[in-house]
């Protein structure tokens, strides 16, 4: 008896898109990002800051966080500087 393929559920991100749209309607939240020592953690904080959803303060071991790729945005321990 052949097995029919299982249809993959349609993955929509509509609820996340709505959440992000709502977050952009209010001032960015000052946010402490603890131990962002891998690219995914650092990228999440950087993307949220670029979208003006958060003002991040990164907290972790000195020199352990990966260096972000060069961009037009400058980051410091206090968050976005330009």
N, C-alpha and C. Protein backbone atom coordinates (compact mmCIF):
# COMPACT_ATOMS: atom_id res chain seq x y z
N UNK A 1 0.84 -1.17 0.00
CA UNK A 1 0.00 0.00 0.00
C UNK A 1 0.90 1.24 0.00
N UNK A 2 0.81 2.07 -1.02
CA UNK A 2 1.64 3.27 -1.08
C UNK A 2 1.20 4.29 -0.02
N UNK A 3 2.19 4.99 0.47
CA UNK A 3 1.92 6.03 1.46
C UNK A 3 1.84 7.36 0.73
N UNK A 4 0.74 8.06 0.97
CA UNK A 4 0.59 9.35 0.30
C UNK A 4 1.41 10.40 1.04
N UNK A 5 1.95 11.35 0.31
CA UNK A 5 2.75 12.39 0.96
C UNK A 5 1.88 13.23 1.90
N UNK A 6 2.48 13.64 2.98
CA UNK A 6 1.78 14.49 3.94
C UNK A 6 2.02 15.93 3.53
N UNK A 7 0.93 16.66 3.45
CA UNK A 7 1.06 18.07 3.07
C UNK A 7 1.69 18.84 4.23
N UNK A 8 2.66 19.64 3.88
CA UNK A 8 3.29 20.50 4.89
C UNK A 8 2.31 21.60 5.26
N UNK A 9 2.22 21.92 6.54
CA UNK A 9 1.33 23.02 6.91
C UNK A 9 1.86 24.33 6.35
N UNK A 10 0.95 25.18 5.94
CA UNK A 10 1.35 26.48 5.43
C UNK A 10 1.93 27.29 6.58
N UNK A 11 3.18 27.66 6.46
CA UNK A 11 3.83 28.41 7.52
C UNK A 11 3.71 29.90 7.20
N UNK A 12 2.90 30.56 7.96
CA UNK A 12 2.80 32.00 7.79
C UNK A 12 3.34 32.66 9.03
N UNK A 13 3.84 33.80 8.84
CA UNK A 13 4.40 34.55 9.95
C UNK A 13 3.54 35.77 10.23
N UNK A 14 2.26 35.69 9.87
CA UNK A 14 1.37 36.83 10.00
C UNK A 14 1.31 37.34 11.44
N UNK A 15 1.25 36.42 12.39
CA UNK A 15 1.14 36.89 13.78
C UNK A 15 2.40 37.63 14.22
N UNK A 16 3.57 37.20 13.72
CA UNK A 16 4.81 37.89 14.05
C UNK A 16 4.89 39.23 13.33
N UNK A 17 4.42 39.25 12.09
CA UNK A 17 4.41 40.51 11.35
C UNK A 17 3.52 41.54 12.05
N UNK A 18 2.37 41.09 12.57
CA UNK A 18 1.48 41.99 13.32
C UNK A 18 2.15 42.46 14.60
N UNK A 19 2.83 41.56 15.29
CA UNK A 19 3.52 41.92 16.53
C UNK A 19 4.60 42.98 16.26
N UNK A 20 5.38 42.78 15.22
CA UNK A 20 6.43 43.74 14.86
C UNK A 20 5.82 45.07 14.46
N UNK A 21 4.75 45.05 13.68
CA UNK A 21 4.08 46.29 13.28
C UNK A 21 3.57 47.04 14.51
N UNK A 22 2.98 46.31 15.47
CA UNK A 22 2.50 46.95 16.70
C UNK A 22 3.65 47.52 17.51
N UNK A 23 4.77 46.80 17.57
CA UNK A 23 5.93 47.26 18.35
C UNK A 23 6.52 48.53 17.76
N UNK A 24 6.39 48.72 16.46
CA UNK A 24 6.92 49.92 15.81
C UNK A 24 6.06 51.16 16.08
N UNK A 25 4.87 50.95 16.64
CA UNK A 25 3.97 52.06 16.91
C UNK A 25 4.25 52.75 18.25
N UNK A 26 5.12 52.16 19.05
CA UNK A 26 5.46 52.72 20.36
C UNK A 26 6.97 52.98 20.41
N UNK A 27 7.43 53.78 21.37
CA UNK A 27 8.87 54.01 21.46
C UNK A 27 9.64 52.71 21.70
N UNK A 28 10.89 52.63 21.23
CA UNK A 28 11.67 51.41 21.43
C UNK A 28 11.90 51.13 22.91
N UNK A 29 11.86 49.86 23.26
CA UNK A 29 12.07 49.44 24.65
C UNK A 29 13.56 49.31 24.93
N UNK A 30 14.01 49.91 26.03
CA UNK A 30 15.38 49.71 26.46
C UNK A 30 15.48 48.26 26.92
N UNK A 31 16.40 47.50 26.33
CA UNK A 31 16.46 46.06 26.53
C UNK A 31 17.88 45.61 26.83
N UNK A 32 18.03 44.81 27.87
CA UNK A 32 19.34 44.21 28.17
C UNK A 32 19.37 42.85 27.50
N UNK A 33 20.37 42.63 26.66
CA UNK A 33 20.56 41.37 25.97
C UNK A 33 21.74 40.68 26.64
N UNK A 34 21.45 39.61 27.38
CA UNK A 34 22.47 38.95 28.20
C UNK A 34 23.16 37.83 27.43
N UNK A 35 24.47 37.88 27.43
CA UNK A 35 25.34 36.85 26.86
C UNK A 35 25.04 36.58 25.38
N UNK A 36 25.05 37.63 24.53
CA UNK A 36 24.80 37.42 23.11
C UNK A 36 26.08 36.95 22.41
N UNK A 37 26.52 35.74 22.73
CA UNK A 37 27.84 35.28 22.29
C UNK A 37 27.80 34.42 21.03
N UNK A 38 26.65 34.33 20.38
CA UNK A 38 26.62 33.63 19.10
C UNK A 38 25.97 34.55 18.08
N UNK A 39 26.18 34.24 16.83
CA UNK A 39 25.71 35.13 15.77
C UNK A 39 24.20 35.32 15.80
N UNK A 40 23.44 34.27 16.08
CA UNK A 40 21.98 34.36 16.09
C UNK A 40 21.50 35.34 17.15
N UNK A 41 22.05 35.24 18.36
CA UNK A 41 21.65 36.14 19.44
C UNK A 41 22.00 37.59 19.12
N UNK A 42 23.19 37.78 18.62
CA UNK A 42 23.64 39.13 18.29
C UNK A 42 22.82 39.69 17.13
N UNK A 43 22.56 38.87 16.14
CA UNK A 43 21.77 39.32 14.98
C UNK A 43 20.35 39.69 15.39
N UNK A 44 19.75 38.91 16.28
CA UNK A 44 18.40 39.23 16.74
C UNK A 44 18.33 40.59 17.40
N UNK A 45 19.29 40.87 18.26
CA UNK A 45 19.34 42.17 18.93
C UNK A 45 19.59 43.28 17.91
N UNK A 46 20.51 43.06 17.00
CA UNK A 46 20.83 44.08 15.99
C UNK A 46 19.65 44.34 15.07
N UNK A 47 18.97 43.28 14.64
CA UNK A 47 17.81 43.45 13.76
C UNK A 47 16.68 44.20 14.46
N UNK A 48 16.43 43.87 15.73
CA UNK A 48 15.38 44.55 16.49
C UNK A 48 15.74 46.02 16.70
N UNK A 49 17.01 46.30 16.92
CA UNK A 49 17.44 47.69 17.09
C UNK A 49 17.34 48.45 15.77
N UNK A 50 17.72 47.82 14.68
CA UNK A 50 17.63 48.46 13.37
C UNK A 50 16.17 48.77 13.02
N UNK A 51 15.27 47.89 13.45
CA UNK A 51 13.83 48.11 13.22
C UNK A 51 13.25 49.12 14.21
N UNK A 52 14.10 49.62 15.11
CA UNK A 52 13.72 50.59 16.14
C UNK A 52 12.66 50.04 17.08
N UNK A 53 12.79 48.74 17.39
CA UNK A 53 11.90 48.10 18.34
C UNK A 53 12.52 48.11 19.73
N UNK A 54 13.86 47.98 19.80
CA UNK A 54 14.56 47.99 21.08
C UNK A 54 15.76 48.92 21.01
N UNK A 55 16.22 49.32 22.19
CA UNK A 55 17.51 49.99 22.35
C UNK A 55 18.33 49.01 23.19
N UNK A 56 19.21 48.24 22.54
CA UNK A 56 19.89 47.16 23.25
C UNK A 56 21.09 47.61 24.07
N UNK A 57 21.27 46.95 25.18
CA UNK A 57 22.51 47.02 25.95
C UNK A 57 23.00 45.59 26.03
N UNK A 58 24.15 45.32 25.45
CA UNK A 58 24.69 43.97 25.41
C UNK A 58 25.52 43.71 26.66
N UNK A 59 25.26 42.60 27.32
CA UNK A 59 25.97 42.23 28.54
C UNK A 59 26.53 40.82 28.36
N UNK A 60 27.84 40.68 28.51
CA UNK A 60 28.46 39.36 28.36
C UNK A 60 29.95 39.45 28.59
N UNK A 61 30.62 38.32 28.48
CA UNK A 61 32.05 38.30 28.69
C UNK A 61 32.77 39.17 27.66
N UNK A 62 33.69 39.97 28.13
CA UNK A 62 34.43 40.86 27.24
C UNK A 62 35.19 40.05 26.18
N UNK A 63 34.99 40.46 24.93
CA UNK A 63 35.71 39.84 23.83
C UNK A 63 35.14 38.53 23.33
N UNK A 64 34.03 38.04 23.91
CA UNK A 64 33.49 36.77 23.49
C UNK A 64 32.43 36.89 22.41
N UNK A 65 31.73 38.03 22.34
CA UNK A 65 30.70 38.20 21.33
C UNK A 65 31.33 38.29 19.96
N UNK A 66 30.68 37.70 18.94
CA UNK A 66 31.22 37.81 17.58
C UNK A 66 31.15 39.25 17.11
N UNK A 67 32.07 39.61 16.24
CA UNK A 67 32.07 40.97 15.71
C UNK A 67 30.99 41.06 14.62
N UNK A 68 30.16 42.11 14.69
CA UNK A 68 29.15 42.28 13.65
C UNK A 68 29.80 42.69 12.34
N UNK A 69 29.13 42.41 11.25
CA UNK A 69 29.64 42.82 9.94
C UNK A 69 29.61 44.34 9.85
N UNK A 70 30.52 44.92 9.10
CA UNK A 70 30.51 46.38 8.95
C UNK A 70 29.19 46.85 8.36
N UNK A 71 28.70 47.97 8.84
CA UNK A 71 27.46 48.53 8.32
C UNK A 71 27.50 50.04 8.53
N UNK A 72 26.42 50.68 8.14
CA UNK A 72 26.35 52.12 8.34
C UNK A 72 25.89 52.46 9.76
N UNK A 73 25.48 51.48 10.50
CA UNK A 73 25.05 51.70 11.88
C UNK A 73 26.20 51.35 12.81
N UNK A 74 26.49 52.23 13.74
CA UNK A 74 27.55 52.00 14.72
C UNK A 74 26.90 51.57 16.02
N UNK A 75 27.43 50.52 16.64
CA UNK A 75 26.89 50.01 17.89
C UNK A 75 27.91 50.21 19.00
N UNK A 76 27.42 50.48 20.19
CA UNK A 76 28.29 50.59 21.34
C UNK A 76 27.62 49.86 22.48
N UNK A 77 28.27 49.84 23.63
CA UNK A 77 27.65 49.20 24.78
C UNK A 77 26.36 49.87 25.18
N UNK A 78 26.21 51.13 24.85
CA UNK A 78 24.99 51.87 25.19
C UNK A 78 23.92 51.74 24.13
N UNK A 79 24.20 51.03 23.05
CA UNK A 79 23.21 50.84 21.99
C UNK A 79 23.61 51.54 20.73
N UNK A 80 22.63 51.88 19.93
CA UNK A 80 22.87 52.47 18.63
C UNK A 80 23.38 53.89 18.77
N UNK A 81 24.42 54.24 18.04
CA UNK A 81 24.99 55.57 18.15
C UNK A 81 24.75 56.44 16.92
N UNK A 82 24.36 55.83 15.80
CA UNK A 82 23.97 56.65 14.64
C UNK A 82 23.17 55.82 13.69
